[in-house]
Amino acid sequence: MALKYLLDENVDRVYQTKLLRQYPELVVLMVGEPGNPPKSTPDQEILCWCEVNGFVLVTNNRASMPVHLADHLAQNRHIPGIFILNFDLGIGGNLEELILAALASEDDEYHDRIVYLPLP
């Protein structure tokens, strides 16, 4: 089963558009869309939403996300994973990494982890 992605509100919508254009079977949602966490939702609440709904969070928040994940785990909570985009890869390189992860990863491979793209 492919990973499901929730894109942070600060991630360019082009990621959703291109991922779904190349692989329409993927589930790629964005913060701020109906039914998803609204824009300006605190990161801690987004992590809870991802946990409940089984989504990997895709973000460019390198600074505070490790702290938020540590707090989340300290509350005995879990998350399918967090991917942090790499500006040096550009949009195309980040898209390739997200597609590879979605199609080739085990369901729980990134459980409770932050992964800085590119994949290890």
PDB file of N, CA and C in Angstrom:
ATOM      1  N   MET A   1       0.845  -1.188   0.000  1.00  0.00           N
ATOM      2  CA  MET A   1       0.000   0.000   0.000  1.00  0.00           C
ATOM      3  C   MET A   1       0.885   1.246   0.000  1.00  0.00           C
ATOM      4  N   ALA A   2       0.560   2.200  -0.832  1.00  0.00           N
ATOM      5  CA  ALA A   2       1.354   3.422  -0.935  1.00  0.00           C
ATOM      6  C   ALA A   2       1.120   4.315   0.279  1.00  0.00           C
ATOM      7  N   LEU A   3       2.149   5.052   0.626  1.00  0.00           N
ATOM      8  CA  LEU A   3       2.016   6.046   1.688  1.00  0.00           C
ATOM      9  C   LEU A   3       1.006   7.107   1.267  1.00  0.00           C
ATOM     10  N   LYS A   4       0.367   7.715   2.238  1.00  0.00           N
ATOM     11  CA  LYS A   4      -0.522   8.851   2.002  1.00  0.00           C
ATOM     12  C   LYS A   4       0.178  10.087   2.551  1.00  0.00           C
ATOM     13  N   TYR A   5       0.108  11.173   1.796  1.00  0.00           N
ATOM     14  CA  TYR A   5       0.809  12.391   2.173  1.00  0.00           C
ATOM     15  C   TYR A   5      -0.149  13.519   2.538  1.00  0.00           C
ATOM     16  N   LEU A   6       0.183  14.231   3.614  1.00  0.00           N
ATOM     17  CA  LEU A   6      -0.435  15.514   3.926  1.00  0.00           C
ATOM     18  C   LEU A   6       0.652  16.563   3.753  1.00  0.00           C
ATOM     19  N   LEU A   7       0.442  17.496   2.837  1.00  0.00           N
ATOM     20  CA  LEU A   7       1.416  18.551   2.589  1.00  0.00           C
ATOM     21  C   LEU A   7       1.115  19.739   3.492  1.00  0.00           C
ATOM     22  N   ASP A   8       2.125  20.181   4.189  1.00  0.00           N
ATOM     23  CA  ASP A   8       2.049  21.352   5.057  1.00  0.00           C
ATOM     24  C   ASP A   8       1.604  22.566   4.236  1.00  0.00           C
ATOM     25  N   GLU A   9       0.970  23.513   4.873  1.00  0.00           N
ATOM     26  CA  GLU A   9       0.475  24.700   4.168  1.00  0.00           C
ATOM     27  C   GLU A   9       1.588  25.522   3.526  1.00  0.00           C
ATOM     28  N   ASN A  10       2.823  25.384   3.982  1.00  0.00           N
ATOM     29  CA  ASN A  10       3.938  26.134   3.413  1.00  0.00           C
ATOM     30  C   ASN A  10       4.619  25.417   2.256  1.00  0.00           C
ATOM     31  N   VAL A  11       4.151  24.214   1.932  1.00  0.00           N
ATOM     32  CA  VAL A  11       4.681  23.471   0.791  1.00  0.00           C
ATOM     33  C   VAL A  11       3.924  23.940  -0.454  1.00  0.00           C
ATOM     34  N   ASP A  12       4.662  24.231  -1.506  1.00  0.00           N
ATOM     35  CA  ASP A  12       4.060  24.718  -2.747  1.00  0.00           C
ATOM     36  C   ASP A  12       3.051  23.698  -3.290  1.00  0.00           C
ATOM     37  N   ARG A  13       1.893  24.182  -3.696  1.00  0.00           N
ATOM     38  CA  ARG A  13       0.829  23.320  -4.233  1.00  0.00           C
ATOM     39  C   ARG A  13       1.286  22.542  -5.472  1.00  0.00           C
ATOM     40  N   VAL A  14       2.344  22.995  -6.128  1.00  0.00           N
ATOM     41  CA  VAL A  14       2.846  22.293  -7.305  1.00  0.00           C
ATOM     42  C   VAL A  14       3.215  20.845  -6.952  1.00  0.00           C
ATOM     43  N   TYR A  15       3.611  20.591  -5.706  1.00  0.00           N
ATOM     44  CA  TYR A  15       3.933  19.216  -5.299  1.00  0.00           C
ATOM     45  C   TYR A  15       2.700  18.328  -5.410  1.00  0.00           C
ATOM     46  N   GLN A  16       1.581  18.801  -4.918  1.00  0.00           N
ATOM     47  CA  GLN A  16       0.349  18.018  -5.001  1.00  0.00           C
ATOM     48  C   GLN A  16      -0.048  17.808  -6.464  1.00  0.00           C
ATOM     49  N   THR A  17      -0.018  18.876  -7.228  1.00  0.00           N
ATOM     50  CA  THR A  17      -0.421  18.806  -8.635  1.00  0.00           C
ATOM     51  C   THR A  17       0.428  17.807  -9.402  1.00  0.00           C
ATOM     52  N   LYS A  18       1.738  17.909  -9.253  1.00  0.00           N
ATOM     53  CA  LYS A  18       2.633  17.032 -10.023  1.00  0.00           C
ATOM     54  C   LYS A  18       2.589  15.587  -9.534  1.00  0.00           C
ATOM     55  N   LEU A  19       2.512  15.380  -8.223  1.00  0.00           N
ATOM     56  CA  LEU A  19       2.411  14.010  -7.716  1.00  0.00           C
ATOM     57  C   LEU A  19       1.162  13.330  -8.256  1.00  0.00           C
ATOM     58  N   LEU A  20       0.036  14.024  -8.205  1.00  0.00           N
ATOM     59  CA  LEU A  20      -1.220  13.425  -8.658  1.00  0.00           C
ATOM     60  C   LEU A  20      -1.285  13.305 -10.175  1.00  0.00           C
ATOM     61  N   ARG A  21      -0.615  14.180 -10.887  1.00  0.00           N
ATOM     62  CA  ARG A  21      -0.583  14.065 -12.343  1.00  0.00           C
ATOM     63  C   ARG A  21       0.210  12.825 -12.751  1.00  0.00           C
ATOM     64  N   GLN A  22       1.333  12.587 -12.079  1.00  0.00           N
ATOM     65  CA  GLN A  22       2.170  11.439 -12.426  1.00  0.00           C
ATOM     66  C   GLN A  22       1.614  10.131 -11.885  1.00  0.00           C
ATOM     67  N   TYR A  23       1.016  10.178 -10.691  1.00  0.00           N
ATOM     68  CA  TYR A  23       0.505   8.973 -10.034  1.00  0.00           C
ATOM     69  C   TYR A  23      -0.856   9.279  -9.417  1.00  0.00           C
ATOM     70  N   PRO A  24      -1.913   9.273 -10.234  1.00  0.00           N
ATOM     71  CA  PRO A  24      -3.237   9.643  -9.726  1.00  0.00           C
ATOM     72  C   PRO A  24      -3.771   8.720  -8.640  1.00  0.00           C
ATOM     73  N   GLU A  25      -3.178   7.547  -8.489  1.00  0.00           N
ATOM     74  CA  GLU A  25      -3.626   6.625  -7.435  1.00  0.00           C
ATOM     75  C   GLU A  25      -3.114   7.018  -6.050  1.00  0.00           C
ATOM     76  N   LEU A  26      -2.151   7.934  -5.990  1.00  0.00           N
ATOM     77  CA  LEU A  26      -1.643   8.386  -4.695  1.00  0.00           C
ATOM     78  C   LEU A  26      -2.687   9.244  -3.985  1.00  0.00           C
ATOM     79  N   VAL A  27      -2.609   9.249  -2.672  1.00  0.00           N
ATOM     80  CA  VAL A  27      -3.437  10.144  -1.867  1.00  0.00           C
ATOM     81  C   VAL A  27      -2.518  11.261  -1.378  1.00  0.00           C
ATOM     82  N   VAL A  28      -2.772  12.472  -1.868  1.00  0.00           N
ATOM     83  CA  VAL A  28      -1.947  13.634  -1.532  1.00  0.00           C
ATOM     84  C   VAL A  28      -2.893  14.783  -1.182  1.00  0.00           C
ATOM     85  N   LEU A  29      -2.972  15.099   0.093  1.00  0.00           N
ATOM     86  CA  LEU A  29      -3.838  16.168   0.574  1.00  0.00           C
ATOM     87  C   LEU A  29      -2.991  17.342   1.038  1.00  0.00           C
ATOM     88  N   MET A  30      -3.653  18.491   1.188  1.00  0.00           N
ATOM     89  CA  MET A  30      -2.958  19.690   1.658  1.00  0.00           C
ATOM     90  C   MET A  30      -3.675  20.284   2.853  1.00  0.00           C
ATOM     91  N   VAL A  31      -2.884  20.783   3.784  1.00  0.00           N
ATOM     92  CA  VAL A  31      -3.449  21.568   4.879  1.00  0.00           C
ATOM     93  C   VAL A  31      -4.194  22.742   4.248  1.00  0.00           C
ATOM     94  N   GLY A  32      -5.396  23.005   4.747  1.00  0.00           N
ATOM     95  CA  GLY A  32      -6.193  24.109   4.233  1.00  0.00           C
ATOM     96  C   GLY A  32      -7.288  23.685   3.283  1.00  0.00           C
ATOM     97  N   GLU A  33      -7.242  22.448   2.790  1.00  0.00           N
ATOM     98  CA  GLU A  33      -8.313  21.948   1.936  1.00  0.00           C
ATOM     99  C   GLU A  33      -9.476  21.482   2.807  1.00  0.00           C
ATOM    100  N   PRO A  34     -10.699  21.523   2.271  1.00  0.00           N
ATOM    101  CA  PRO A  34     -11.854  21.056   3.050  1.00  0.00           C
ATOM    102  C   PRO A  34     -11.647  19.630   3.566  1.00  0.00           C
ATOM    103  N   GLY A  35     -11.978  19.423   4.832  1.00  0.00           N
ATOM    104  CA  GLY A  35     -11.831  18.107   5.451  1.00  0.00           C
ATOM    105  C   GLY A  35     -10.467  17.845   6.056  1.00  0.00           C
ATOM    106  N   ASN A  36      -9.523  18.719   5.786  1.00  0.00           N
ATOM    107  CA  ASN A  36      -8.163  18.594   6.319  1.00  0.00           C
ATOM    108  C   ASN A  36      -7.957  19.679   7.368  1.00  0.00           C
ATOM    109  N   PRO A  37      -6.864  19.607   8.122  1.00  0.00           N
ATOM    110  CA  PRO A  37      -6.616  20.695   9.070  1.00  0.00           C
ATOM    111  C   PRO A  37      -6.601  22.043   8.340  1.00  0.00           C
ATOM    112  N   PRO A  38      -7.231  23.059   8.915  1.00  0.00           N
ATOM    113  CA  PRO A  38      -7.219  24.375   8.266  1.00  0.00           C
ATOM    114  C   PRO A  38      -5.841  25.027   8.347  1.00  0.00           C
ATOM    115  N   LYS A  39      -5.624  26.009   7.480  1.00  0.00           N
ATOM    116  CA  LYS A  39      -4.374  26.775   7.541  1.00  0.00           C
ATOM    117  C   LYS A  39      -4.247  27.403   8.917  1.00  0.00           C
ATOM    118  N   SER A  40      -3.028  27.552   9.367  1.00  0.00           N
ATOM    119  CA  SER A  40      -2.668  28.103  10.684  1.00  0.00           C
ATOM    120  C   SER A  40      -2.935  27.140  11.834  1.00  0.00           C
ATOM    121  N   THR A  41      -3.253  25.873  11.529  1.00  0.00           N
ATOM    122  CA  THR A  41      -3.387  24.870  12.583  1.00  0.00           C
ATOM    123  C   THR A  41      -2.013  24.655  13.209  1.00  0.00           C
ATOM    124  N   PRO A  42      -1.911  24.645  14.535  1.00  0.00           N
ATOM    125  CA  PRO A  42      -0.612  24.391  15.176  1.00  0.00           C
ATOM    126  C   PRO A  42      -0.031  23.038  14.746  1.00  0.00           C
ATOM    127  N   ASP A  43       1.284  23.001  14.638  1.00  0.00           N
ATOM    128  CA  ASP A  43       1.960  21.780  14.193  1.00  0.00           C
ATOM    129  C   ASP A  43       1.597  20.571  15.046  1.00  0.00           C
ATOM    130  N   GLN A  44       1.442  20.760  16.346  1.00  0.00           N
ATOM    131  CA  GLN A  44       1.103  19.642  17.225  1.00  0.00           C
ATOM    132  C   GLN A  44      -0.239  19.024  16.822  1.00  0.00           C
ATOM    133  N   GLU A  45      -1.198  19.855  16.449  1.00  0.00           N
ATOM    134  CA  GLU A  45      -2.505  19.351  16.021  1.00  0.00           C
ATOM    135  C   GLU A  45      -2.417  18.656  14.666  1.00  0.00           C
ATOM    136  N   ILE A  46      -1.550  19.153  13.800  1.00  0.00           N
ATOM    137  CA  ILE A  46      -1.356  18.497  12.503  1.00  0.00           C
ATOM    138  C   ILE A  46      -0.756  17.114  12.707  1.00  0.00           C
ATOM    139  N   LEU A  47       0.195  16.989  13.627  1.00  0.00           N
ATOM    140  CA  LEU A  47       0.767  15.670  13.910  1.00  0.00           C
ATOM    141  C   LEU A  47      -0.307  14.720  14.424  1.00  0.00           C
ATOM    142  N   CYS A  48      -1.192  15.196  15.276  1.00  0.00           N
ATOM    143  CA  CYS A  48      -2.290  14.357  15.778  1.00  0.00           C
ATOM    144  C   CYS A  48      -3.209  13.938  14.636  1.00  0.00           C
ATOM    145  N   TRP A  49      -3.522  14.858  13.733  1.00  0.00           N
ATOM    146  CA  TRP A  49      -4.367  14.538  12.582  1.00  0.00           C
ATOM    147  C   TRP A  49      -3.703  13.459  11.731  1.00  0.00           C
ATOM    148  N   CYS A  50      -2.405  13.609  11.475  1.00  0.00           N
ATOM    149  CA  CYS A  50      -1.672  12.610  10.686  1.00  0.00           C
ATOM    150  C   CYS A  50      -1.708  11.248  11.367  1.00  0.00           C
ATOM    151  N   GLU A  51      -1.555  11.237  12.679  1.00  0.00           N
ATOM    152  CA  GLU A  51      -1.592   9.980  13.429  1.00  0.00           C
ATOM    153  C   GLU A  51      -2.953   9.305  13.273  1.00  0.00           C
ATOM    154  N   VAL A  52      -4.015  10.037  13.498  1.00  0.00           N
ATOM    155  CA  VAL A  52      -5.372   9.481  13.455  1.00  0.00           C
ATOM    156  C   VAL A  52      -5.741   9.014  12.050  1.00  0.00           C
ATOM    157  N   ASN A  53      -5.298   9.757  11.036  1.00  0.00           N
ATOM    158  CA  ASN A  53      -5.710   9.483   9.660  1.00  0.00           C
ATOM    159  C   ASN A  53      -4.691   8.690   8.849  1.00  0.00           C
ATOM    160  N   GLY A  54      -3.521   8.404   9.430  1.00  0.00           N
ATOM    161  CA  GLY A  54      -2.530   7.569   8.758  1.00  0.00           C
ATOM    162  C   GLY A  54      -1.781   8.252   7.625  1.00  0.00           C
ATOM    163  N   PHE A  55      -1.467   9.539   7.784  1.00  0.00           N
ATOM    164  CA  PHE A  55      -0.765  10.286   6.746  1.00  0.00           C
ATOM    165  C   PHE A  55       0.651  10.627   7.181  1.00  0.00           C
ATOM    166  N   VAL A  56       1.577  10.571   6.228  1.00  0.00           N
ATOM    167  CA  VAL A  56       2.932  11.078   6.415  1.00  0.00           C
ATOM    168  C   VAL A  56       2.883  12.578   6.139  1.00  0.00           C
ATOM    169  N   LEU A  57       3.447  13.367   7.025  1.00  0.00           N
ATOM    170  CA  LEU A  57       3.491  14.816   6.845  1.00  0.00           C
ATOM    171  C   LEU A  57       4.688  15.181   5.979  1.00  0.00           C
ATOM    172  N   VAL A  58       4.453  16.004   4.963  1.00  0.00           N
ATOM    173  CA  VAL A  58       5.519  16.542   4.121  1.00  0.00           C
ATOM    174  C   VAL A  58       5.612  18.032   4.431  1.00  0.00           C
ATOM    175  N   THR A  59       6.803  18.472   4.830  1.00  0.00           N
ATOM    176  CA  THR A  59       6.969  19.851   5.285  1.00  0.00           C
ATOM    177  C   THR A  59       8.337  20.379   4.889  1.00  0.00           C
ATOM    178  N   ASN A  60       8.507  21.672   5.018  1.00  0.00           N
ATOM    179  CA  ASN A  60       9.837  22.272   4.871  1.00  0.00           C
ATOM    180  C   ASN A  60      10.275  22.890   6.195  1.00  0.00           C
ATOM    181  N   ASN A  61       9.604  22.517   7.265  1.00  0.00           N
ATOM    182  CA  ASN A  61       9.850  23.049   8.606  1.00  0.00           C
ATOM    183  C   ASN A  61      10.986  22.275   9.284  1.00  0.00           C
ATOM    184  N   ARG A  62      12.205  22.640   8.964  1.00  0.00           N
ATOM    185  CA  ARG A  62      13.380  21.959   9.518  1.00  0.00           C
ATOM    186  C   ARG A  62      13.653  22.361  10.961  1.00  0.00           C
ATOM    187  N   ALA A  63      13.264  23.564  11.342  1.00  0.00           N
ATOM    188  CA  ALA A  63      13.661  24.110  12.640  1.00  0.00           C
ATOM    189  C   ALA A  63      12.858  23.540  13.796  1.00  0.00           C
ATOM    190  N   SER A  64      11.547  23.664  13.752  1.00  0.00           N
ATOM    191  CA  SER A  64      10.756  23.288  14.931  1.00  0.00           C
ATOM    192  C   SER A  64      10.144  21.896  14.864  1.00  0.00           C
ATOM    193  N   MET A  65      10.092  21.279  13.690  1.00  0.00           N
ATOM    194  CA  MET A  65       9.427  19.974  13.600  1.00  0.00           C
ATOM    195  C   MET A  65      10.090  18.906  14.477  1.00  0.00           C
ATOM    196  N   PRO A  66      11.413  18.852  14.600  1.00  0.00           N
ATOM    197  CA  PRO A  66      11.997  17.861  15.516  1.00  0.00           C
ATOM    198  C   PRO A  66      11.508  18.036  16.955  1.00  0.00           C
ATOM    199  N   VAL A  67      11.339  19.272  17.390  1.00  0.00           N
ATOM    200  CA  VAL A  67      10.839  19.538  18.744  1.00  0.00           C
ATOM    201  C   VAL A  67       9.389  19.076  18.861  1.00  0.00           C
ATOM    202  N   HIS A  68       8.579  19.382  17.855  1.00  0.00           N
ATOM    203  CA  HIS A  68       7.171  18.973  17.881  1.00  0.00           C
ATOM    204  C   HIS A  68       7.046  17.450  17.890  1.00  0.00           C
ATOM    205  N   LEU A  69       7.876  16.771  17.106  1.00  0.00           N
ATOM    206  CA  LEU A  69       7.814  15.311  17.096  1.00  0.00           C
ATOM    207  C   LEU A  69       8.224  14.751  18.451  1.00  0.00           C
ATOM    208  N   ALA A  70       9.266  15.280  19.050  1.00  0.00           N
ATOM    209  CA  ALA A  70       9.696  14.810  20.372  1.00  0.00           C
ATOM    210  C   ALA A  70       8.581  14.988  21.397  1.00  0.00           C
ATOM    211  N   ASP A  71       7.903  16.129  21.369  1.00  0.00           N
ATOM    212  CA  ASP A  71       6.779  16.364  22.283  1.00  0.00           C
ATOM    213  C   ASP A  71       5.648  15.378  22.017  1.00  0.00           C
ATOM    214  N   HIS A  72       5.366  15.135  20.750  1.00  0.00           N
ATOM    215  CA  HIS A  72       4.304  14.206  20.341  1.00  0.00           C
ATOM    216  C   HIS A  72       4.596  12.800  20.870  1.00  0.00           C
ATOM    217  N   LEU A  73       5.815  12.344  20.677  1.00  0.00           N
ATOM    218  CA  LEU A  73       6.207  11.002  21.130  1.00  0.00           C
ATOM    219  C   LEU A  73       6.226  10.922  22.652  1.00  0.00           C
ATOM    220  N   ALA A  74       6.599  12.007  23.326  1.00  0.00           N
ATOM    221  CA  ALA A  74       6.629  12.031  24.795  1.00  0.00           C
ATOM    222  C   ALA A  74       5.230  11.871  25.389  1.00  0.00           C
ATOM    223  N   GLN A  75       4.214  12.191  24.610  1.00  0.00           N
ATOM    224  CA  GLN A  75       2.828  12.019  25.046  1.00  0.00           C
ATOM    225  C   GLN A  75       2.297  10.632  24.689  1.00  0.00           C
ATOM    226  N   ASN A  76       3.220   9.724  24.343  1.00  0.00           N
ATOM    227  CA  ASN A  76       2.882   8.353  23.955  1.00  0.00           C
ATOM    228  C   ASN A  76       1.997   8.320  22.713  1.00  0.00           C
ATOM    229  N   ARG A  77       2.237   9.261  21.804  1.00  0.00           N
ATOM    230  CA  ARG A  77       1.530   9.328  20.532  1.00  0.00           C
ATOM    231  C   ARG A  77       2.488   8.830  19.462  1.00  0.00           C
ATOM    232  N   HIS A  78       1.961   8.653  18.265  1.00  0.00           N
ATOM    233  CA  HIS A  78       2.770   8.138  17.160  1.00  0.00           C
ATOM    234  C   HIS A  78       2.410   8.879  15.880  1.00  0.00           C
ATOM    235  N   ILE A  79       3.204   8.648  14.852  1.00  0.00           N
ATOM    236  CA  ILE A  79       2.950   9.260  13.544  1.00  0.00           C
ATOM    237  C   ILE A  79       3.538   8.348  12.471  1.00  0.00           C
ATOM    238  N   PRO A  80       2.876   8.251  11.312  1.00  0.00           N
ATOM    239  CA  PRO A  80       3.418   7.416  10.234  1.00  0.00           C
ATOM    240  C   PRO A  80       4.760   7.910   9.699  1.00  0.00           C
ATOM    241  N   GLY A  81       5.088   9.174   9.935  1.00  0.00           N
ATOM    242  CA  GLY A  81       6.371   9.707   9.494  1.00  0.00           C
ATOM    243  C   GLY A  81       6.275  11.168   9.111  1.00  0.00           C
ATOM    244  N   ILE A  82       7.437  11.784   8.999  1.00  0.00           N
ATOM    245  CA  ILE A  82       7.547  13.173   8.559  1.00  0.00           C
ATOM    246  C   ILE A  82       8.684  13.228   7.543  1.00  0.00           C
ATOM    247  N   PHE A  83       8.404  13.774   6.371  1.00  0.00           N
ATOM    248  CA  PHE A  83       9.433  14.014   5.363  1.00  0.00           C
ATOM    249  C   PHE A  83       9.682  15.512   5.294  1.00  0.00           C
ATOM    250  N   ILE A  84      10.949  15.883   5.381  1.00  0.00           N
ATOM    251  CA  ILE A  84      11.323  17.289   5.267  1.00  0.00           C
ATOM    252  C   ILE A  84      12.002  17.500   3.918  1.00  0.00           C
ATOM    253  N   LEU A  85      11.410  18.389   3.133  1.00  0.00           N
ATOM    254  CA  LEU A  85      11.912  18.675   1.793  1.00  0.00           C
ATOM    255  C   LEU A  85      13.307  19.286   1.853  1.00  0.00           C
ATOM    256  N   ASN A  86      14.066  19.054   0.787  1.00  0.00           N
ATOM    257  CA  ASN A  86      15.433  19.551   0.674  1.00  0.00           C
ATOM    258  C   ASN A  86      15.478  20.557  -0.474  1.00  0.00           C
ATOM    259  N   PHE A  87      15.671  21.828  -0.153  1.00  0.00           N
ATOM    260  CA  PHE A  87      15.674  22.861  -1.184  1.00  0.00           C
ATOM    261  C   PHE A  87      16.774  22.637  -2.214  1.00  0.00           C
ATOM    262  N   ASP A  88      17.878  22.009  -1.822  1.00  0.00           N
ATOM    263  CA  ASP A  88      18.972  21.755  -2.760  1.00  0.00           C
ATOM    264  C   ASP A  88      18.584  20.752  -3.844  1.00  0.00           C
ATOM    265  N   LEU A  89      17.583  19.903  -3.575  1.00  0.00           N
ATOM    266  CA  LEU A  89      17.135  18.930  -4.574  1.00  0.00           C
ATOM    267  C   LEU A  89      16.247  19.570  -5.632  1.00  0.00           C
ATOM    268  N   GLY A  90      15.668  20.707  -5.326  1.00  0.00           N
ATOM    269  CA  GLY A  90      14.707  21.317  -6.233  1.00  0.00           C
ATOM    270  C   GLY A  90      13.393  20.547  -6.204  1.00  0.00           C
ATOM    271  N   ILE A  91      12.403  21.094  -6.866  1.00  0.00           N
ATOM    272  CA  ILE A  91      11.085  20.455  -6.866  1.00  0.00           C
ATOM    273  C   ILE A  91      11.157  19.079  -7.507  1.00  0.00           C
ATOM    274  N   GLY A  92      11.832  18.973  -8.649  1.00  0.00           N
ATOM    275  CA  GLY A  92      11.915  17.688  -9.348  1.00  0.00           C
ATOM    276  C   GLY A  92      12.562  16.600  -8.510  1.00  0.00           C
ATOM    277  N   GLY A  93      13.656  16.919  -7.853  1.00  0.00           N
ATOM    278  CA  GLY A  93      14.341  15.936  -7.013  1.00  0.00           C
ATOM    279  C   GLY A  93      13.519  15.524  -5.812  1.00  0.00           C
ATOM    280  N   ASN A  94      12.865  16.487  -5.172  1.00  0.00           N
ATOM    281  CA  ASN A  94      11.996  16.158  -4.041  1.00  0.00           C
ATOM    282  C   ASN A  94      10.824  15.291  -4.491  1.00  0.00           C
ATOM    283  N   LEU A  95      10.248  15.609  -5.658  1.00  0.00           N
ATOM    284  CA  LEU A  95       9.145  14.795  -6.180  1.00  0.00           C
ATOM    285  C   LEU A  95       9.587  13.358  -6.410  1.00  0.00           C
ATOM    286  N   GLU A  96      10.762  13.175  -7.002  1.00  0.00           N
ATOM    287  CA  GLU A  96      11.277  11.817  -7.227  1.00  0.00           C
ATOM    288  C   GLU A  96      11.396  11.055  -5.915  1.00  0.00           C
ATOM    289  N   GLU A  97      11.894  11.713  -4.881  1.00  0.00           N
ATOM    290  CA  GLU A  97      12.044  11.064  -3.576  1.00  0.00           C
ATOM    291  C   GLU A  97      10.679  10.710  -2.972  1.00  0.00           C
ATOM    292  N   LEU A  98       9.718  11.611  -3.085  1.00  0.00           N
ATOM    293  CA  LEU A  98       8.381  11.346  -2.543  1.00  0.00           C
ATOM    294  C   LEU A  98       7.700  10.201  -3.287  1.00  0.00           C
ATOM    295  N   ILE A  99       7.875  10.152  -4.603  1.00  0.00           N
ATOM    296  CA  ILE A  99       7.294   9.059  -5.389  1.00  0.00           C
ATOM    297  C   ILE A  99       7.945   7.745  -5.012  1.00  0.00           C
ATOM    298  N   LEU A 100       9.260   7.727  -4.921  1.00  0.00           N
ATOM    299  CA  LEU A 100       9.972   6.507  -4.528  1.00  0.00           C
ATOM    300  C   LEU A 100       9.483   6.014  -3.170  1.00  0.00           C
ATOM    301  N   ALA A 101       9.388   6.911  -2.214  1.00  0.00           N
ATOM    302  CA  ALA A 101       8.932   6.522  -0.876  1.00  0.00           C
ATOM    303  C   ALA A 101       7.507   5.997  -0.913  1.00  0.00           C
ATOM    304  N   ALA A 102       6.641   6.677  -1.645  1.00  0.00           N
ATOM    305  CA  ALA A 102       5.230   6.277  -1.682  1.00  0.00           C
ATOM    306  C   ALA A 102       5.045   4.903  -2.300  1.00  0.00           C
ATOM    307  N   LEU A 103       5.811   4.604  -3.328  1.00  0.00           N
ATOM    308  CA  LEU A 103       5.596   3.365  -4.068  1.00  0.00           C
ATOM    309  C   LEU A 103       6.435   2.196  -3.584  1.00  0.00           C
ATOM    310  N   ALA A 104       7.556   2.450  -2.929  1.00  0.00           N
ATOM    311  CA  ALA A 104       8.480   1.363  -2.610  1.00  0.00           C
ATOM    312  C   ALA A 104       8.679   1.111  -1.122  1.00  0.00           C
ATOM    313  N   SER A 105       8.054   1.891  -0.266  1.00  0.00           N
ATOM    314  CA  SER A 105       8.299   1.765   1.172  1.00  0.00           C
ATOM    315  C   SER A 105       7.343   0.778   1.824  1.00  0.00           C
ATOM    316  N   GLU A 106       7.806   0.207   2.916  1.00  0.00           N
ATOM    317  CA  GLU A 106       6.929  -0.592   3.764  1.00  0.00           C
ATOM    318  C   GLU A 106       5.983   0.354   4.493  1.00  0.00           C
ATOM    319  N   ASP A 107       4.821  -0.154   4.883  1.00  0.00           N
ATOM    320  CA  ASP A 107       3.806   0.699   5.508  1.00  0.00           C
ATOM    321  C   ASP A 107       4.320   1.452   6.734  1.00  0.00           C
ATOM    322  N   ASP A 108       5.139   0.813   7.553  1.00  0.00           N
ATOM    323  CA  ASP A 108       5.579   1.448   8.801  1.00  0.00           C
ATOM    324  C   ASP A 108       7.060   1.834   8.784  1.00  0.00           C
ATOM    325  N   GLU A 109       7.626   1.943   7.612  1.00  0.00           N
ATOM    326  CA  GLU A 109       9.067   2.192   7.483  1.00  0.00           C
ATOM    327  C   GLU A 109       9.509   3.509   8.124  1.00  0.00           C
ATOM    328  N   TYR A 110       8.645   4.501   8.118  1.00  0.00           N
ATOM    329  CA  TYR A 110       9.019   5.823   8.626  1.00  0.00           C
ATOM    330  C   TYR A 110       8.298   6.155   9.931  1.00  0.00           C
ATOM    331  N   HIS A 111       7.707   5.162  10.551  1.00  0.00           N
ATOM    332  CA  HIS A 111       6.936   5.306  11.785  1.00  0.00           C
ATOM    333  C   HIS A 111       7.747   6.044  12.854  1.00  0.00           C
ATOM    334  N   ASP A 112       7.173   7.136  13.363  1.00  0.00           N
ATOM    335  CA  ASP A 112       7.770   7.930  14.443  1.00  0.00           C
ATOM    336  C   ASP A 112       9.133   8.522  14.089  1.00  0.00           C
ATOM    337  N   ARG A 113       9.370   8.770  12.803  1.00  0.00           N
ATOM    338  CA  ARG A 113      10.671   9.292  12.365  1.00  0.00           C
ATOM    339  C   ARG A 113      10.514  10.541  11.516  1.00  0.00           C
ATOM    340  N   ILE A 114      11.547  11.355  11.553  1.00  0.00           N
ATOM    341  CA  ILE A 114      11.703  12.441  10.586  1.00  0.00           C
ATOM    342  C   ILE A 114      12.755  11.988   9.590  1.00  0.00           C
ATOM    343  N   VAL A 115      12.438  12.139   8.309  1.00  0.00           N
ATOM    344  CA  VAL A 115      13.382  11.805   7.246  1.00  0.00           C
ATOM    345  C   VAL A 115      13.641  13.077   6.446  1.00  0.00           C
ATOM    346  N   TYR A 116      14.901  13.439   6.374  1.00  0.00           N
ATOM    347  CA  TYR A 116      15.314  14.589   5.577  1.00  0.00           C
ATOM    348  C   TYR A 116      15.640  14.073   4.181  1.00  0.00           C
ATOM    349  N   LEU A 117      14.919  14.557   3.182  1.00  0.00           N
ATOM    350  CA  LEU A 117      15.175  14.102   1.818  1.00  0.00           C
ATOM    351  C   LEU A 117      16.549  14.596   1.372  1.00  0.00           C
ATOM    352  N   PRO A 118      17.284  13.806   0.561  1.00  0.00           N
ATOM    353  CA  PRO A 118      16.886  12.555  -0.068  1.00  0.00           C
ATOM    354  C   PRO A 118      16.838  11.394   0.921  1.00  0.00           C
ATOM    355  N   LEU A 119      16.110  10.357   0.510  1.00  0.00           N
ATOM    356  CA  LEU A 119      15.994   9.171   1.350  1.00  0.00           C
ATOM    357  C   LEU A 119      17.369   8.572   1.604  1.00  0.00           C
ATOM    358  N   PRO A 120      17.538   7.975   2.773  1.00  0.00           N
ATOM    359  CA  PRO A 120      18.840   7.342   3.070  1.00  0.00           C
ATOM    360  C   PRO A 120      19.079   6.106   2.214  1.00  0.00           C
TER     361      PRO A 120
END
